[in-house]
């Protein structure tokens, strides 16, 4: 009888500790896992419009004649266009009916024309003319969005 009481006490203690540990673990998990909020359609659309405006602004700066002084200045100015383009594409993927895909070809052509320029180019002026033509096509596509 004495052994039975000891066994019952031990079992109660073990189950009590296990339950207490489980509750403590569950309580810690609840603290660690904040509730994620999903952005609303309006918030996603607003972010997309902000990213498009930033892209338009960087394209406008890229069109500045001072950009075309050297190969380095062209590539440096394009880096901001590229960054803003990537952001607009990213936010556009989250918006229904975003028309970013129409920009892809024009953007790729612009990027390729810029990447084709090297500092040792004898025909730098021709390359700049090619960049400007690709940029004009990109700007026209951007206006459609």
N, C-alpha and C. Protein backbone atom coordinates (compact mmCIF):
# COMPACT_ATOMS: atom_id res chain seq x y z
N UNK A 1 0.82 -1.18 0.00
CA UNK A 1 0.00 0.00 0.00
C UNK A 1 0.87 1.25 0.00
N UNK A 2 1.91 1.23 0.82
CA UNK A 2 2.81 2.34 0.90
C UNK A 2 3.48 2.57 -0.44
N UNK A 3 3.87 1.49 -1.13
CA UNK A 3 4.49 1.59 -2.45
C UNK A 3 3.51 2.15 -3.47
N UNK A 4 2.27 1.80 -3.37
CA UNK A 4 1.25 2.28 -4.30
C UNK A 4 1.07 3.78 -4.14
N UNK A 5 1.10 4.27 -2.91
CA UNK A 5 0.97 5.71 -2.66
C UNK A 5 2.19 6.43 -3.23
N UNK A 6 3.36 5.88 -3.04
CA UNK A 6 4.59 6.50 -3.56
C UNK A 6 4.54 6.55 -5.09
N UNK A 7 4.11 5.48 -5.72
CA UNK A 7 4.01 5.43 -7.18
C UNK A 7 3.01 6.48 -7.67
N UNK A 8 1.88 6.61 -6.99
CA UNK A 8 0.88 7.59 -7.39
C UNK A 8 1.43 9.00 -7.24
N UNK A 9 2.16 9.26 -6.18
CA UNK A 9 2.75 10.58 -5.97
C UNK A 9 3.79 10.86 -7.05
N UNK A 10 4.62 9.89 -7.35
CA UNK A 10 5.65 10.08 -8.39
C UNK A 10 5.00 10.34 -9.74
N UNK A 11 3.99 9.55 -10.08
CA UNK A 11 3.29 9.73 -11.35
C UNK A 11 2.64 11.11 -11.41
N UNK A 12 2.04 11.55 -10.32
CA UNK A 12 1.41 12.86 -10.29
C UNK A 12 2.45 13.97 -10.47
N UNK A 13 3.59 13.81 -9.83
CA UNK A 13 4.65 14.81 -9.94
C UNK A 13 5.17 14.86 -11.38
N UNK A 14 5.42 13.69 -11.98
CA UNK A 14 5.95 13.64 -13.34
C UNK A 14 4.95 14.27 -14.31
N UNK A 15 3.68 13.89 -14.23
CA UNK A 15 2.67 14.48 -15.11
C UNK A 15 2.49 15.97 -14.86
N UNK A 16 2.57 16.37 -13.64
CA UNK A 16 2.45 17.79 -13.30
C UNK A 16 3.60 18.59 -13.89
N UNK A 17 4.81 18.07 -13.78
CA UNK A 17 5.97 18.75 -14.35
C UNK A 17 5.86 18.81 -15.87
N UNK A 18 5.47 17.70 -16.48
CA UNK A 18 5.34 17.66 -17.94
C UNK A 18 4.28 18.65 -18.41
N UNK A 19 3.20 18.71 -17.71
CA UNK A 19 2.14 19.66 -18.08
C UNK A 19 2.62 21.09 -17.89
N UNK A 20 3.33 21.34 -16.81
CA UNK A 20 3.85 22.69 -16.55
C UNK A 20 4.86 23.10 -17.60
N UNK A 21 5.74 22.20 -17.99
CA UNK A 21 6.72 22.50 -19.03
C UNK A 21 6.01 22.75 -20.35
N UNK A 22 5.03 21.93 -20.66
CA UNK A 22 4.27 22.11 -21.90
C UNK A 22 3.56 23.45 -21.94
N UNK A 23 2.98 23.85 -20.82
CA UNK A 23 2.28 25.14 -20.76
C UNK A 23 3.27 26.28 -20.91
N UNK A 24 4.43 26.15 -20.26
CA UNK A 24 5.44 27.20 -20.36
C UNK A 24 5.94 27.31 -21.80
N UNK A 25 6.16 26.18 -22.46
CA UNK A 25 6.61 26.17 -23.84
C UNK A 25 5.56 26.80 -24.75
N UNK A 26 4.31 26.44 -24.57
CA UNK A 26 3.23 26.99 -25.39
C UNK A 26 3.12 28.49 -25.16
N UNK A 27 3.26 28.92 -23.93
CA UNK A 27 3.18 30.34 -23.61
C UNK A 27 4.32 31.11 -24.29
N UNK A 28 5.54 30.55 -24.29
CA UNK A 28 6.68 31.18 -24.95
C UNK A 28 6.45 31.26 -26.46
N UNK A 29 5.90 30.23 -27.04
CA UNK A 29 5.64 30.22 -28.47
C UNK A 29 4.63 31.30 -28.86
N UNK A 30 3.63 31.49 -28.02
CA UNK A 30 2.63 32.52 -28.30
C UNK A 30 3.28 33.90 -28.31
N UNK A 31 4.25 34.11 -27.43
CA UNK A 31 4.95 35.40 -27.38
C UNK A 31 5.81 35.59 -28.62
N UNK A 32 6.45 34.53 -29.12
CA UNK A 32 7.37 34.62 -30.24
C UNK A 32 6.68 34.78 -31.58
N UNK A 33 5.48 34.32 -31.71
CA UNK A 33 4.82 34.32 -33.01
C UNK A 33 3.83 35.47 -33.11
N UNK A 34 4.30 36.64 -33.55
CA UNK A 34 3.35 37.75 -33.71
C UNK A 34 2.40 37.44 -34.87
N UNK A 35 1.27 38.00 -34.76
CA UNK A 35 0.26 37.78 -35.79
C UNK A 35 0.63 38.63 -37.00
N UNK A 36 0.80 37.97 -38.14
CA UNK A 36 1.15 38.68 -39.37
C UNK A 36 -0.11 39.29 -39.96
N UNK A 37 0.02 40.54 -40.37
CA UNK A 37 -1.12 41.17 -41.00
C UNK A 37 -0.87 41.21 -42.50
N UNK A 38 -1.89 40.90 -43.24
CA UNK A 38 -1.81 40.93 -44.69
C UNK A 38 -2.18 42.32 -45.17
N UNK A 39 -1.33 42.92 -46.01
CA UNK A 39 -1.67 44.25 -46.52
C UNK A 39 -2.96 44.21 -47.33
N UNK A 40 -3.71 45.27 -47.23
CA UNK A 40 -4.96 45.34 -47.99
C UNK A 40 -4.66 45.60 -49.46
N UNK A 41 -5.63 45.39 -50.29
CA UNK A 41 -5.51 45.67 -51.72
C UNK A 41 -5.12 47.13 -51.94
N UNK A 42 -5.72 48.01 -51.16
CA UNK A 42 -5.42 49.44 -51.29
C UNK A 42 -3.97 49.74 -50.91
N UNK A 43 -3.47 49.09 -49.86
CA UNK A 43 -2.08 49.29 -49.45
C UNK A 43 -1.11 48.78 -50.52
N UNK A 44 -1.44 47.62 -51.08
CA UNK A 44 -0.59 47.06 -52.13
C UNK A 44 -0.58 47.97 -53.36
N UNK A 45 -1.75 48.48 -53.72
CA UNK A 45 -1.85 49.38 -54.86
C UNK A 45 -1.08 50.68 -54.60
N UNK A 46 -1.19 51.20 -53.39
CA UNK A 46 -0.47 52.42 -53.03
C UNK A 46 1.04 52.21 -53.11
N UNK A 47 1.52 51.07 -52.63
CA UNK A 47 2.95 50.78 -52.70
C UNK A 47 3.41 50.66 -54.15
N UNK A 48 2.61 50.01 -54.96
CA UNK A 48 2.92 49.87 -56.38
C UNK A 48 3.00 51.25 -57.05
N UNK A 49 2.06 52.12 -56.75
CA UNK A 49 2.08 53.47 -57.33
C UNK A 49 3.30 54.27 -56.86
N UNK A 50 3.67 54.12 -55.59
CA UNK A 50 4.87 54.79 -55.07
C UNK A 50 6.11 54.30 -55.79
N UNK A 51 6.19 52.98 -56.00
CA UNK A 51 7.35 52.41 -56.68
C UNK A 51 7.40 52.85 -58.14
N UNK A 52 6.24 52.93 -58.78
CA UNK A 52 6.20 53.43 -60.16
C UNK A 52 6.65 54.89 -60.23
N UNK A 53 6.23 55.69 -59.27
CA UNK A 53 6.63 57.10 -59.27
C UNK A 53 8.14 57.23 -59.05
N UNK A 54 8.69 56.43 -58.16
CA UNK A 54 10.14 56.44 -57.95
C UNK A 54 10.87 56.04 -59.23
N UNK A 55 10.31 55.07 -59.95
CA UNK A 55 10.89 54.65 -61.22
C UNK A 55 10.83 55.79 -62.23
N UNK A 56 9.69 56.44 -62.32
CA UNK A 56 9.55 57.58 -63.24
C UNK A 56 10.56 58.69 -62.91
N UNK A 57 10.71 58.97 -61.62
CA UNK A 57 11.64 60.01 -61.19
C UNK A 57 13.08 59.66 -61.56
N UNK A 58 13.46 58.41 -61.33
CA UNK A 58 14.84 58.01 -61.66
C UNK A 58 15.06 58.00 -63.17
N UNK A 59 14.05 57.66 -63.94
CA UNK A 59 14.16 57.71 -65.40
C UNK A 59 14.33 59.16 -65.86
N UNK A 60 13.58 60.06 -65.24
CA UNK A 60 13.70 61.48 -65.58
C UNK A 60 15.12 61.98 -65.32
N UNK A 61 15.69 61.58 -64.21
CA UNK A 61 17.08 61.97 -63.90
C UNK A 61 18.05 61.33 -64.89
N UNK A 62 17.74 60.11 -65.29
CA UNK A 62 18.60 59.40 -66.24
C UNK A 62 18.59 60.07 -67.61
N UNK A 63 17.51 60.74 -67.93
CA UNK A 63 17.40 61.43 -69.21
C UNK A 63 18.23 62.72 -69.24
N UNK A 64 18.68 63.18 -68.10
CA UNK A 64 19.45 64.42 -68.00
C UNK A 64 20.74 64.30 -68.83
N UNK A 65 21.06 65.35 -69.56
CA UNK A 65 22.25 65.35 -70.43
C UNK A 65 23.54 65.12 -69.65
N UNK A 66 23.59 65.53 -68.39
CA UNK A 66 24.80 65.34 -67.59
C UNK A 66 25.12 63.86 -67.36
N UNK A 67 24.12 63.02 -67.53
CA UNK A 67 24.31 61.59 -67.35
C UNK A 67 25.27 61.03 -68.40
N UNK A 68 25.26 61.61 -69.57
CA UNK A 68 25.98 61.03 -70.71
C UNK A 68 27.37 61.61 -70.91
N UNK A 69 28.07 61.89 -69.81
CA UNK A 69 29.42 62.45 -69.87
C UNK A 69 30.45 61.34 -70.04
N UNK A 70 30.22 60.22 -69.38
CA UNK A 70 31.17 59.11 -69.44
C UNK A 70 30.42 57.78 -69.28
N UNK A 71 31.13 56.72 -69.58
CA UNK A 71 30.56 55.38 -69.40
C UNK A 71 30.18 55.17 -67.95
N UNK A 72 31.04 55.58 -67.05
CA UNK A 72 30.80 55.41 -65.62
C UNK A 72 29.56 56.18 -65.17
N UNK A 73 29.40 57.41 -65.66
CA UNK A 73 28.24 58.21 -65.24
C UNK A 73 26.93 57.60 -65.75
N UNK A 74 26.98 57.01 -66.93
CA UNK A 74 25.79 56.35 -67.48
C UNK A 74 25.42 55.15 -66.60
N UNK A 75 26.39 54.32 -66.30
CA UNK A 75 26.12 53.11 -65.52
C UNK A 75 25.72 53.43 -64.09
N UNK A 76 26.30 54.47 -63.52
CA UNK A 76 25.94 54.89 -62.17
C UNK A 76 24.50 55.40 -62.13
N UNK A 77 24.14 56.21 -63.11
CA UNK A 77 22.77 56.73 -63.16
C UNK A 77 21.77 55.62 -63.41
N UNK A 78 22.15 54.64 -64.22
CA UNK A 78 21.24 53.53 -64.51
C UNK A 78 21.02 52.65 -63.29
N UNK A 79 21.97 52.59 -62.39
CA UNK A 79 21.83 51.75 -61.19
C UNK A 79 20.58 52.13 -60.40
N UNK A 80 20.26 53.43 -60.32
CA UNK A 80 19.07 53.87 -59.60
C UNK A 80 17.80 53.47 -60.36
N UNK A 81 17.84 53.58 -61.68
CA UNK A 81 16.70 53.13 -62.50
C UNK A 81 16.47 51.64 -62.26
N UNK A 82 17.55 50.90 -62.28
CA UNK A 82 17.46 49.45 -62.10
C UNK A 82 16.87 49.10 -60.73
N UNK A 83 17.33 49.76 -59.70
CA UNK A 83 16.81 49.51 -58.35
C UNK A 83 15.32 49.82 -58.27
N UNK A 84 14.92 50.94 -58.82
CA UNK A 84 13.50 51.32 -58.78
C UNK A 84 12.65 50.43 -59.68
N UNK A 85 13.20 49.98 -60.78
CA UNK A 85 12.49 49.04 -61.65
C UNK A 85 12.23 47.73 -60.90
N UNK A 86 13.26 47.23 -60.22
CA UNK A 86 13.11 45.98 -59.46
C UNK A 86 12.03 46.12 -58.38
N UNK A 87 12.00 47.27 -57.71
CA UNK A 87 10.98 47.50 -56.67
C UNK A 87 9.59 47.56 -57.28
N UNK A 88 9.45 48.22 -58.43
CA UNK A 88 8.14 48.31 -59.09
C UNK A 88 7.67 46.94 -59.57
N UNK A 89 8.57 46.14 -60.08
CA UNK A 89 8.21 44.79 -60.51
C UNK A 89 7.77 43.96 -59.32
N UNK A 90 8.51 44.07 -58.23
CA UNK A 90 8.19 43.31 -57.02
C UNK A 90 6.81 43.68 -56.48
N UNK A 91 6.54 44.97 -56.35
CA UNK A 91 5.24 45.37 -55.82
C UNK A 91 4.14 45.14 -56.85
N UNK A 92 4.47 45.23 -58.13
CA UNK A 92 3.48 44.99 -59.19
C UNK A 92 2.99 43.56 -59.22
N UNK A 93 3.84 42.63 -58.80
CA UNK A 93 3.44 41.22 -58.76
C UNK A 93 2.35 40.96 -57.72
N UNK A 94 2.21 41.87 -56.78
CA UNK A 94 1.23 41.71 -55.71
C UNK A 94 -0.09 42.41 -56.01
N UNK A 95 -0.14 43.09 -57.15
CA UNK A 95 -1.32 43.88 -57.50
C UNK A 95 -1.99 43.26 -58.71
N UNK A 96 -3.28 43.06 -58.60
CA UNK A 96 -4.03 42.53 -59.71
C UNK A 96 -4.05 43.58 -60.82
N UNK A 97 -3.88 43.15 -62.03
CA UNK A 97 -3.93 44.00 -63.22
C UNK A 97 -2.76 44.97 -63.33
N UNK A 98 -1.66 44.69 -62.65
CA UNK A 98 -0.46 45.53 -62.82
C UNK A 98 0.08 45.26 -64.22
N UNK A 99 0.55 46.30 -64.86
CA UNK A 99 1.00 46.17 -66.25
C UNK A 99 2.52 46.21 -66.38
N UNK A 100 3.20 45.70 -65.40
CA UNK A 100 4.65 45.71 -65.40
C UNK A 100 5.20 44.84 -66.53
N UNK A 101 4.53 43.77 -66.86
CA UNK A 101 5.08 42.86 -67.88
C UNK A 101 5.31 43.57 -69.21
N UNK A 102 4.52 44.59 -69.51
CA UNK A 102 4.70 45.34 -70.75
C UNK A 102 6.04 46.07 -70.78
N UNK A 103 6.57 46.38 -69.61
CA UNK A 103 7.84 47.08 -69.52
C UNK A 103 9.04 46.16 -69.70
N UNK A 104 8.85 44.87 -69.49
CA UNK A 104 9.99 43.94 -69.46
C UNK A 104 10.87 44.01 -70.70
N UNK A 105 10.27 43.96 -71.88
CA UNK A 105 11.06 43.97 -73.10
C UNK A 105 11.81 45.28 -73.26
N UNK A 106 11.11 46.39 -73.04
CA UNK A 106 11.76 47.70 -73.17
C UNK A 106 12.88 47.85 -72.14
N UNK A 107 12.65 47.37 -70.92
CA UNK A 107 13.68 47.45 -69.88
C UNK A 107 14.89 46.60 -70.26
N UNK A 108 14.63 45.39 -70.73
CA UNK A 108 15.72 44.49 -71.12
C UNK A 108 16.56 45.12 -72.23
N UNK A 109 15.90 45.73 -73.21
CA UNK A 109 16.64 46.38 -74.30
C UNK A 109 17.48 47.55 -73.78
N UNK A 110 16.91 48.33 -72.87
CA UNK A 110 17.65 49.45 -72.28
C UNK A 110 18.87 48.93 -71.52
N UNK A 111 18.64 47.93 -70.69
CA UNK A 111 19.72 47.35 -69.88
C UNK A 111 20.82 46.79 -70.79
N UNK A 112 20.43 46.08 -71.85
CA UNK A 112 21.41 45.51 -72.77
C UNK A 112 22.22 46.60 -73.48
N UNK A 113 21.55 47.69 -73.86
CA UNK A 113 22.28 48.76 -74.54
C UNK A 113 23.29 49.43 -73.59
N UNK A 114 22.94 49.52 -72.33
CA UNK A 114 23.86 50.10 -71.35
C UNK A 114 25.02 49.14 -71.07
N UNK A 115 24.70 47.87 -70.94
CA UNK A 115 25.74 46.88 -70.67
C UNK A 115 26.70 46.71 -71.85
N UNK A 116 26.29 47.12 -73.04
CA UNK A 116 27.16 46.98 -74.21
C UNK A 116 28.22 48.09 -74.28
N UNK A 117 28.09 49.09 -73.42
CA UNK A 117 29.05 50.20 -73.42
C UNK A 117 30.26 49.82 -72.57
N UNK A 118 31.43 50.06 -73.11
CA UNK A 118 32.65 49.88 -72.31
C UNK A 118 33.45 51.18 -72.37
N UNK A 119 34.32 51.35 -71.41
CA UNK A 119 35.08 52.59 -71.33
C UNK A 119 36.07 52.73 -72.48
N UNK A 120 36.36 51.64 -73.17
CA UNK A 120 37.31 51.71 -74.28
C UNK A 120 36.61 51.84 -75.64
N UNK A 121 35.30 52.07 -75.63
CA UNK A 121 34.56 52.18 -76.89
C UNK A 121 35.03 53.36 -77.72
N UNK A 122 35.33 53.08 -78.97
CA UNK A 122 35.65 54.13 -79.92
C UNK A 122 34.37 54.83 -80.36
N UNK A 123 33.29 54.09 -80.36
CA UNK A 123 32.00 54.60 -80.84
C UNK A 123 31.07 54.95 -79.68
N UNK A 124 31.60 55.63 -78.68
CA UNK A 124 30.80 55.94 -77.50
C UNK A 124 29.57 56.76 -77.87
N UNK A 125 29.70 57.70 -78.77
CA UNK A 125 28.55 58.51 -79.16
C UNK A 125 27.46 57.66 -79.80
N UNK A 126 27.83 56.67 -80.60
CA UNK A 126 26.83 55.78 -81.20
C UNK A 126 26.16 54.95 -80.12
N UNK A 127 26.92 54.49 -79.15
CA UNK A 127 26.35 53.70 -78.04
C UNK A 127 25.39 54.56 -77.23
N UNK A 128 25.75 55.82 -77.02
CA UNK A 128 24.87 56.73 -76.28
C UNK A 128 23.58 56.95 -77.06
N UNK A 129 23.68 57.06 -78.36
CA UNK A 129 22.48 57.19 -79.21
C UNK A 129 21.60 55.96 -79.06
N UNK A 130 22.21 54.78 -79.02
CA UNK A 130 21.45 53.53 -78.84
C UNK A 130 20.76 53.50 -77.47
N UNK A 131 21.48 53.94 -76.43
CA UNK A 131 20.91 53.98 -75.08
C UNK A 131 19.72 54.93 -75.06
N UNK A 132 19.87 56.09 -75.66
CA UNK A 132 18.78 57.07 -75.66
C UNK A 132 17.56 56.54 -76.42
N UNK A 133 17.79 55.83 -77.50
CA UNK A 133 16.66 55.25 -78.24
C UNK A 133 15.94 54.20 -77.39
N UNK A 134 16.71 53.36 -76.73
CA UNK A 134 16.12 52.34 -75.85
C UNK A 134 15.41 53.00 -74.68
N UNK A 135 15.99 54.07 -74.15
CA UNK A 135 15.37 54.80 -73.05
C UNK A 135 14.04 55.41 -73.49
N UNK A 136 13.99 55.98 -74.68
CA UNK A 136 12.73 56.55 -75.17
C UNK A 136 11.64 55.50 -75.28
N UNK A 137 11.99 54.32 -75.75
CA UNK A 137 11.01 53.22 -75.83
C UNK A 137 10.54 52.84 -74.44
N UNK A 138 11.47 52.76 -73.50
CA UNK A 138 11.11 52.43 -72.12
C UNK A 138 10.19 53.48 -71.52
N UNK A 139 10.49 54.75 -71.77
CA UNK A 139 9.66 55.85 -71.25
C UNK A 139 8.25 55.76 -71.83
N UNK A 140 8.14 55.46 -73.10
CA UNK A 140 6.81 55.33 -73.72
C UNK A 140 6.01 54.18 -73.09
N UNK A 141 6.67 53.08 -72.81
CA UNK A 141 5.98 51.95 -72.15
C UNK A 141 5.60 52.34 -70.73
N UNK A 142 6.45 53.06 -70.05
CA UNK A 142 6.17 53.49 -68.67
C UNK A 142 4.97 54.43 -68.63
N UNK A 143 4.82 55.24 -69.63
CA UNK A 143 3.67 56.16 -69.70
C UNK A 143 2.35 55.40 -69.82
N UNK A 144 2.39 54.20 -70.35
CA UNK A 144 1.17 53.40 -70.54
C UNK A 144 0.65 52.79 -69.25
N UNK A 145 1.46 52.83 -68.22
CA UNK A 145 1.05 52.22 -66.94
C UNK A 145 0.33 53.24 -66.10
